[in-house]
Amino acid sequence: MYSLIQKRKIVAILVIVSFSTLSIISAPAHAKMINTGEISKQNHRDLLRYRINKLIERSEVQKYLVARGISPEEAKARIDSLSDEEIENISFKMDQLPAGGDAVGVLIGAALFVFIVLLITDIFGLTDVFPFVKDR
């Protein structure tokens, strides 16, 4: 009987020591509420980074980068190293650029420029393109 009581004491002491050790080693969990605004901002930043990375994956952009001596992997690494503010600035500037470009305005401007140059050269007598410009 004495040995049974002695064994119980030893087991009880081991259990107490192990529980005490585990409670000291393990840190208590700290939970706090996450603001919806913070999650929304993080999702917005992730979306901006995704848009810029998708732009880098386009073949014409990769050709342009390679022509400038930048590999696509290096460009992705540079984008990943940008701060959130820089990503937002780049995305804002991308949104301000015209999509596709309108060639009609460029063609009209070029035609007008050529007309004016030929008209001036006709006035000075260097060319004879327009019949309505008379020699003096």
C-alpha atoms as a PDB file:
ATOM      1  CA  MET A   1       0.000   0.000   0.000  1.00  0.00           C
ATOM      2  CA  TYR A   2       2.859   2.285   0.816  1.00  0.00           C
ATOM      3  CA  SER A   3       4.318   1.821  -2.649  1.00  0.00           C
ATOM      4  CA  LEU A   4       0.978   2.665  -4.316  1.00  0.00           C
ATOM      5  CA  ILE A   5       0.742   5.973  -2.431  1.00  0.00           C
ATOM      6  CA  GLN A   6       4.378   6.692  -3.240  1.00  0.00           C
ATOM      7  CA  LYS A   7       3.762   6.010  -6.964  1.00  0.00           C
ATOM      8  CA  ARG A   8       0.721   8.304  -6.954  1.00  0.00           C
ATOM      9  CA  LYS A   9       2.762  11.114  -5.441  1.00  0.00           C
ATOM     10  CA  ILE A  10       5.470  10.705  -8.068  1.00  0.00           C
ATOM     11  CA  VAL A  11       2.911  10.680 -10.883  1.00  0.00           C
ATOM     12  CA  ALA A  12       1.136  13.714  -9.399  1.00  0.00           C
ATOM     13  CA  ILE A  13       4.420  15.624  -9.134  1.00  0.00           C
ATOM     14  CA  LEU A  14       5.328  14.765 -12.748  1.00  0.00           C
ATOM     15  CA  VAL A  15       1.913  15.901 -13.980  1.00  0.00           C
ATOM     16  CA  ILE A  16       2.165  19.175 -12.038  1.00  0.00           C
ATOM     17  CA  VAL A  17       5.687  19.850 -13.348  1.00  0.00           C
ATOM     18  CA  SER A  18       4.726  19.063 -16.958  1.00  0.00           C
ATOM     19  CA  PHE A  19       1.629  21.282 -16.860  1.00  0.00           C
ATOM     20  CA  SER A  20       3.620  24.084 -15.255  1.00  0.00           C
ATOM     21  CA  THR A  21       6.327  23.803 -17.894  1.00  0.00           C
ATOM     22  CA  LEU A  22       3.828  23.817 -20.748  1.00  0.00           C
ATOM     23  CA  SER A  23       2.031  26.852 -19.375  1.00  0.00           C
ATOM     24  CA  ILE A  24       5.292  28.786 -19.101  1.00  0.00           C
ATOM     25  CA  ILE A  25       6.540  27.822 -22.557  1.00  0.00           C
ATOM     26  CA  SER A  26       3.374  28.444 -24.536  1.00  0.00           C
ATOM     27  CA  ALA A  27       2.450  32.073 -25.015  1.00  0.00           C
ATOM     28  CA  PRO A  28      -1.165  33.098 -24.684  1.00  0.00           C
ATOM     29  CA  ALA A  29      -2.977  33.899 -27.919  1.00  0.00           C
ATOM     30  CA  HIS A  30      -3.826  37.533 -28.520  1.00  0.00           C
ATOM     31  CA  ALA A  31      -6.750  38.169 -30.799  1.00  0.00           C
ATOM     32  CA  LYS A  32      -8.008  41.519 -31.950  1.00  0.00           C
ATOM     33  CA  MET A  33     -10.588  42.780 -34.352  1.00  0.00           C
ATOM     34  CA  ILE A  34      -9.484  43.576 -37.886  1.00  0.00           C
ATOM     35  CA  ASN A  35     -10.852  46.743 -39.374  1.00  0.00           C
ATOM     36  CA  THR A  36     -12.742  46.267 -42.628  1.00  0.00           C
ATOM     37  CA  GLY A  37     -10.995  49.326 -44.043  1.00  0.00           C
ATOM     38  CA  GLU A  38      -7.589  47.711 -43.519  1.00  0.00           C
ATOM     39  CA  ILE A  39      -8.675  44.573 -45.325  1.00  0.00           C
ATOM     40  CA  SER A  40     -10.133  46.649 -48.154  1.00  0.00           C
ATOM     41  CA  LYS A  41      -6.898  48.651 -48.509  1.00  0.00           C
ATOM     42  CA  GLN A  42      -4.817  45.476 -48.583  1.00  0.00           C
ATOM     43  CA  ASN A  43      -7.088  43.935 -51.220  1.00  0.00           C
ATOM     44  CA  HIS A  44      -6.855  47.159 -53.261  1.00  0.00           C
ATOM     45  CA  ARG A  45      -3.038  47.100 -53.073  1.00  0.00           C
ATOM     46  CA  ASP A  46      -2.991  43.440 -54.100  1.00  0.00           C
ATOM     47  CA  LEU A  47      -5.249  44.247 -57.057  1.00  0.00           C
ATOM     48  CA  LEU A  48      -2.971  47.109 -58.171  1.00  0.00           C
ATOM     49  CA  ARG A  49       0.088  44.849 -58.003  1.00  0.00           C
ATOM     50  CA  TYR A  50      -1.810  42.193 -59.958  1.00  0.00           C
ATOM     51  CA  ARG A  51      -2.729  44.732 -62.685  1.00  0.00           C
ATOM     52  CA  ILE A  52       0.881  45.870 -63.066  1.00  0.00           C
ATOM     53  CA  ASN A  53       2.172  42.283 -63.132  1.00  0.00           C
ATOM     54  CA  LYS A  54      -0.407  41.398 -65.802  1.00  0.00           C
ATOM     55  CA  LEU A  55       0.835  44.359 -67.851  1.00  0.00           C
ATOM     56  CA  ILE A  56       4.411  43.069 -67.596  1.00  0.00           C
ATOM     57  CA  GLU A  57       3.277  39.639 -68.841  1.00  0.00           C
ATOM     58  CA  ARG A  58       2.023  41.086 -72.166  1.00  0.00           C
ATOM     59  CA  SER A  59       4.253  40.157 -75.117  1.00  0.00           C
ATOM     60  CA  GLU A  60       4.598  43.696 -76.521  1.00  0.00           C
ATOM     61  CA  VAL A  61       5.620  45.026 -73.118  1.00  0.00           C
ATOM     62  CA  GLN A  62       8.162  42.234 -72.705  1.00  0.00           C
ATOM     63  CA  LYS A  63       9.608  43.036 -76.144  1.00  0.00           C
ATOM     64  CA  TYR A  64       9.905  46.690 -75.125  1.00  0.00           C
ATOM     65  CA  LEU A  65      11.613  45.752 -71.851  1.00  0.00           C
ATOM     66  CA  VAL A  66      14.054  43.401 -73.577  1.00  0.00           C
ATOM     67  CA  ALA A  67      14.856  46.139 -76.114  1.00  0.00           C
ATOM     68  CA  ARG A  68      15.706  48.411 -73.175  1.00  0.00           C
ATOM     69  CA  GLY A  69      17.916  45.719 -71.578  1.00  0.00           C
ATOM     70  CA  ILE A  70      15.558  44.629 -68.793  1.00  0.00           C
ATOM     71  CA  SER A  71      14.541  41.004 -68.469  1.00  0.00           C
ATOM     72  CA  PRO A  72      10.886  40.307 -67.577  1.00  0.00           C
ATOM     73  CA  GLU A  73      11.984  38.488 -64.400  1.00  0.00           C
ATOM     74  CA  GLU A  74      13.997  41.521 -63.317  1.00  0.00           C
ATOM     75  CA  ALA A  75      11.013  43.780 -64.003  1.00  0.00           C
ATOM     76  CA  LYS A  76       8.768  41.559 -61.861  1.00  0.00           C
ATOM     77  CA  ALA A  77      11.336  41.601 -59.068  1.00  0.00           C
ATOM     78  CA  ARG A  78      11.459  45.402 -59.253  1.00  0.00           C
ATOM     79  CA  ILE A  79       7.663  45.625 -59.112  1.00  0.00           C
ATOM     80  CA  ASP A  80       7.570  43.322 -56.101  1.00  0.00           C
ATOM     81  CA  SER A  81      10.079  45.553 -54.311  1.00  0.00           C
ATOM     82  CA  LEU A  82       8.034  48.752 -54.823  1.00  0.00           C
ATOM     83  CA  SER A  83       6.288  50.326 -51.871  1.00  0.00           C
ATOM     84  CA  ASP A  84       2.513  50.573 -51.701  1.00  0.00           C
ATOM     85  CA  GLU A  85       2.642  54.311 -52.432  1.00  0.00           C
ATOM     86  CA  GLU A  86       4.747  53.768 -55.556  1.00  0.00           C
ATOM     87  CA  ILE A  87       2.362  51.069 -56.778  1.00  0.00           C
ATOM     88  CA  GLU A  88      -0.580  53.437 -56.313  1.00  0.00           C
ATOM     89  CA  ASN A  89       1.225  56.217 -58.219  1.00  0.00           C
ATOM     90  CA  ILE A  90       2.023  53.902 -61.132  1.00  0.00           C
ATOM     91  CA  SER A  91      -1.531  52.616 -61.240  1.00  0.00           C
ATOM     92  CA  PHE A  92      -2.904  56.180 -61.149  1.00  0.00           C
ATOM     93  CA  LYS A  93      -0.663  57.164 -64.070  1.00  0.00           C
ATOM     94  CA  MET A  94      -1.724  54.043 -65.980  1.00  0.00           C
ATOM     95  CA  ASP A  95      -5.370  55.044 -65.528  1.00  0.00           C
ATOM     96  CA  GLN A  96      -4.630  58.511 -66.927  1.00  0.00           C
ATOM     97  CA  LEU A  97      -3.077  57.189 -70.163  1.00  0.00           C
ATOM     98  CA  PRO A  98      -5.297  56.969 -73.239  1.00  0.00           C
ATOM     99  CA  ALA A  99      -6.369  53.433 -74.030  1.00  0.00           C
ATOM    100  CA  GLY A 100      -5.395  52.281 -77.503  1.00  0.00           C
ATOM    101  CA  GLY A 101      -4.548  55.728 -78.822  1.00  0.00           C
ATOM    102  CA  ASP A 102      -6.432  57.666 -81.508  1.00  0.00           C
ATOM    103  CA  ALA A 103      -4.566  57.927 -84.817  1.00  0.00           C
ATOM    104  CA  VAL A 104      -7.076  60.331 -86.396  1.00  0.00           C
ATOM    105  CA  GLY A 105      -5.770  63.331 -84.471  1.00  0.00           C
ATOM    106  CA  VAL A 106      -2.184  62.451 -85.299  1.00  0.00           C
ATOM    107  CA  LEU A 107      -2.974  62.076 -88.999  1.00  0.00           C
ATOM    108  CA  ILE A 108      -4.827  65.395 -89.131  1.00  0.00           C
ATOM    109  CA  GLY A 109      -1.966  67.131 -87.335  1.00  0.00           C
ATOM    110  CA  ALA A 110       0.633  65.619 -89.681  1.00  0.00           C
ATOM    111  CA  ALA A 111      -1.383  66.587 -92.780  1.00  0.00           C
ATOM    112  CA  LEU A 112      -1.808  70.136 -91.483  1.00  0.00           C
ATOM    113  CA  PHE A 113       1.923  70.390 -90.775  1.00  0.00           C
ATOM    114  CA  VAL A 114       2.838  69.196 -94.286  1.00  0.00           C
ATOM    115  CA  PHE A 115       0.319  71.626 -95.831  1.00  0.00           C
ATOM    116  CA  ILE A 116       1.765  74.592 -93.915  1.00  0.00           C
ATOM    117  CA  VAL A 117       5.349  73.660 -94.812  1.00  0.00           C
ATOM    118  CA  LEU A 118       4.479  73.337 -98.510  1.00  0.00           C
ATOM    119  CA  LEU A 119       2.505  76.597 -98.409  1.00  0.00           C
ATOM    120  CA  ILE A 120       5.442  78.476 -96.886  1.00  0.00           C
ATOM    121  CA  THR A 121       7.869  77.017 -99.418  1.00  0.00           C
ATOM    122  CA  ASP A 122       5.454  78.016-102.215  1.00  0.00           C
ATOM    123  CA  ILE A 123       5.213  81.564-100.872  1.00  0.00           C
ATOM    124  CA  PHE A 124       9.005  81.886-100.835  1.00  0.00           C
ATOM    125  CA  GLY A 125       9.172  80.439-104.355  1.00  0.00           C
ATOM    126  CA  LEU A 126      11.099  77.311-103.445  1.00  0.00           C
ATOM    127  CA  THR A 127       8.362  74.966-104.726  1.00  0.00           C
ATOM    128  CA  ASP A 128       5.396  75.186-107.066  1.00  0.00           C
ATOM    129  CA  VAL A 129       2.809  72.895-105.478  1.00  0.00           C
ATOM    130  CA  PHE A 130      -0.276  75.051-105.054  1.00  0.00           C
ATOM    131  CA  PRO A 131      -1.682  76.977-108.053  1.00  0.00           C
ATOM    132  CA  PHE A 132      -3.427  79.544-105.837  1.00  0.00           C
ATOM    133  CA  VAL A 133      -0.067  80.901-104.652  1.00  0.00           C
ATOM    134  CA  LYS A 134       1.019  83.408-107.310  1.00  0.00           C
ATOM    135  CA  ASP A 135       4.534  84.410-108.154  1.00  0.00           C
ATOM    136  CA  ARG A 136       5.448  87.983-107.434  1.00  0.00           C
END
